[in-house]
Amino acid sequence: MNRKKKVKSTLKAQLKRANAKKNPKNKPKYISKAERAKLEQEQLEQEQSAPEQLEH
């Protein structure tokens, strides 16, 4: 009986892992603090350059 239970639980765990990989993730991708600072800096540069282009 123990052998059947062990095999069944192993197969069930494999199936659960396979289904978890197939389904889409709800959690957003992690962005490091350095990457966030870099993106913020780029955004500020774009905002500063945009008004200059409109004036000329």
N, C-alpha and C. Protein backbone atom coordinates (compact mmCIF):
# COMPACT_ATOMS: atom_id res chain seq x y z
N MET A 1 0.82 -1.20 0.00
CA MET A 1 0.00 0.00 0.00
C MET A 1 0.87 1.26 0.00
N ASN A 2 1.94 1.24 0.77
CA ASN A 2 2.81 2.42 0.83
C ASN A 2 3.45 2.71 -0.51
N ARG A 3 3.80 1.67 -1.26
CA ARG A 3 4.43 1.86 -2.56
C ARG A 3 3.46 2.54 -3.52
N LYS A 4 2.20 2.09 -3.52
CA LYS A 4 1.18 2.70 -4.37
C LYS A 4 1.00 4.18 -4.01
N LYS A 5 0.95 4.44 -2.73
CA LYS A 5 0.74 5.81 -2.27
C LYS A 5 1.90 6.71 -2.70
N LYS A 6 3.12 6.19 -2.58
CA LYS A 6 4.30 6.97 -2.95
C LYS A 6 4.31 7.26 -4.45
N VAL A 7 4.01 6.27 -5.28
CA VAL A 7 3.98 6.45 -6.73
C VAL A 7 2.90 7.45 -7.11
N LYS A 8 1.74 7.28 -6.50
CA LYS A 8 0.62 8.17 -6.80
C LYS A 8 0.95 9.61 -6.42
N SER A 9 1.54 9.81 -5.25
CA SER A 9 1.88 11.16 -4.82
C SER A 9 2.97 11.78 -5.69
N THR A 10 3.92 10.96 -6.15
CA THR A 10 4.98 11.45 -7.04
C THR A 10 4.40 11.91 -8.37
N LEU A 11 3.53 11.10 -8.95
CA LEU A 11 2.91 11.45 -10.23
C LEU A 11 2.01 12.68 -10.09
N LYS A 12 1.31 12.75 -8.97
CA LYS A 12 0.44 13.89 -8.73
C LYS A 12 1.26 15.18 -8.61
N ALA A 13 2.40 15.10 -7.95
CA ALA A 13 3.27 16.27 -7.80
C ALA A 13 3.83 16.70 -9.15
N GLN A 14 4.21 15.75 -9.99
CA GLN A 14 4.72 16.06 -11.33
C GLN A 14 3.65 16.77 -12.15
N LEU A 15 2.43 16.27 -12.08
CA LEU A 15 1.31 16.86 -12.81
C LEU A 15 1.04 18.29 -12.33
N LYS A 16 1.10 18.47 -11.02
CA LYS A 16 0.87 19.79 -10.44
C LYS A 16 1.93 20.79 -10.91
N ARG A 17 3.20 20.36 -10.94
CA ARG A 17 4.28 21.24 -11.41
C ARG A 17 4.11 21.57 -12.89
N ALA A 18 3.71 20.58 -13.70
CA ALA A 18 3.53 20.80 -15.13
C ALA A 18 2.40 21.80 -15.37
N ASN A 19 1.31 21.67 -14.64
CA ASN A 19 0.18 22.60 -14.79
C ASN A 19 0.56 24.01 -14.34
N ALA A 20 1.38 24.10 -13.30
CA ALA A 20 1.80 25.41 -12.81
C ALA A 20 2.66 26.11 -13.85
N LYS A 21 3.48 25.37 -14.57
CA LYS A 21 4.32 25.97 -15.61
C LYS A 21 3.48 26.43 -16.80
N LYS A 22 2.44 25.69 -17.12
CA LYS A 22 1.60 26.01 -18.27
C LYS A 22 0.80 27.29 -18.05
N ASN A 23 0.28 27.48 -16.85
CA ASN A 23 -0.61 28.60 -16.57
C ASN A 23 0.17 29.91 -16.53
N PRO A 24 -0.45 30.99 -16.97
CA PRO A 24 0.23 32.29 -16.95
C PRO A 24 0.45 32.77 -15.51
N LYS A 25 1.46 33.57 -15.34
CA LYS A 25 1.79 34.09 -14.01
C LYS A 25 1.02 35.39 -13.78
N ASN A 26 0.48 35.55 -12.60
CA ASN A 26 -0.25 36.77 -12.25
C ASN A 26 0.68 37.83 -11.67
N LYS A 27 1.82 37.39 -11.19
CA LYS A 27 2.75 38.28 -10.53
C LYS A 27 3.59 39.04 -11.56
N PRO A 28 3.74 40.35 -11.40
CA PRO A 28 4.57 41.09 -12.37
C PRO A 28 6.04 40.72 -12.22
N LYS A 29 6.78 40.87 -13.31
CA LYS A 29 8.20 40.55 -13.31
C LYS A 29 8.94 41.50 -12.37
N TYR A 30 9.90 40.97 -11.61
CA TYR A 30 10.66 41.77 -10.66
C TYR A 30 11.61 42.71 -11.39
N ILE A 31 11.63 43.97 -10.97
CA ILE A 31 12.56 44.95 -11.52
C ILE A 31 13.41 45.46 -10.36
N SER A 32 14.72 45.32 -10.49
CA SER A 32 15.62 45.69 -9.40
C SER A 32 15.59 47.19 -9.15
N LYS A 33 16.09 47.55 -7.98
CA LYS A 33 16.10 48.96 -7.59
C LYS A 33 16.96 49.78 -8.55
N ALA A 34 18.10 49.23 -8.96
CA ALA A 34 18.98 49.93 -9.90
C ALA A 34 18.29 50.11 -11.25
N GLU A 35 17.58 49.09 -11.69
CA GLU A 35 16.86 49.17 -12.97
C GLU A 35 15.74 50.21 -12.90
N ARG A 36 15.03 50.26 -11.77
CA ARG A 36 13.97 51.27 -11.60
C ARG A 36 14.56 52.68 -11.63
N ALA A 37 15.71 52.87 -10.99
CA ALA A 37 16.36 54.18 -11.00
C ALA A 37 16.78 54.56 -12.41
N LYS A 38 17.30 53.59 -13.14
CA LYS A 38 17.72 53.84 -14.53
C LYS A 38 16.52 54.23 -15.39
N LEU A 39 15.41 53.52 -15.26
CA LEU A 39 14.21 53.82 -16.03
C LEU A 39 13.66 55.20 -15.68
N GLU A 40 13.70 55.52 -14.39
CA GLU A 40 13.22 56.83 -13.95
C GLU A 40 14.10 57.95 -14.53
N GLN A 41 15.40 57.73 -14.55
CA GLN A 41 16.33 58.72 -15.10
C GLN A 41 16.07 58.93 -16.59
N GLU A 42 15.87 57.84 -17.32
CA GLU A 42 15.58 57.93 -18.75
C GLU A 42 14.27 58.69 -19.00
N GLN A 43 13.29 58.43 -18.16
CA GLN A 43 12.00 59.10 -18.31
C GLN A 43 12.15 60.60 -18.06
N LEU A 44 12.94 60.98 -17.06
CA LEU A 44 13.17 62.39 -16.78
C LEU A 44 13.88 63.07 -17.94
N GLU A 45 14.84 62.38 -18.53
CA GLU A 45 15.57 62.93 -19.68
C GLU A 45 14.63 63.15 -20.87
N GLN A 46 13.72 62.21 -21.08
CA GLN A 46 12.76 62.35 -22.18
C GLN A 46 11.82 63.53 -21.93
N GLU A 47 11.38 63.69 -20.70
CA GLU A 47 10.47 64.79 -20.37
C GLU A 47 11.17 66.14 -20.55
N GLN A 48 12.45 66.19 -20.22
CA GLN A 48 13.20 67.44 -20.36
C GLN A 48 13.45 67.76 -21.83
N SER A 49 13.69 66.74 -22.63
CA SER A 49 13.98 66.98 -24.04
C SER A 49 12.71 67.25 -24.84
N ALA A 50 11.59 66.75 -24.41
CA ALA A 50 10.33 66.94 -25.15
C ALA A 50 9.91 68.41 -25.21
N PRO A 51 9.92 69.18 -24.12
CA PRO A 51 9.53 70.59 -24.22
C PRO A 51 10.49 71.41 -25.09
N GLU A 52 11.76 71.06 -25.07
CA GLU A 52 12.73 71.78 -25.89
C GLU A 52 12.42 71.60 -27.37
N GLN A 53 12.00 70.42 -27.76
CA GLN A 53 11.69 70.15 -29.15
C GLN A 53 10.44 70.92 -29.59
N LEU A 54 9.50 71.10 -28.71
CA LEU A 54 8.27 71.81 -29.05
C LEU A 54 8.52 73.31 -29.22
N GLU A 55 9.43 73.89 -28.45
CA GLU A 55 9.70 75.31 -28.52
C GLU A 55 10.38 75.70 -29.82
N HIS A 56 11.26 74.87 -30.35
CA HIS A 56 12.05 75.22 -31.54
C HIS A 56 11.33 74.90 -32.80
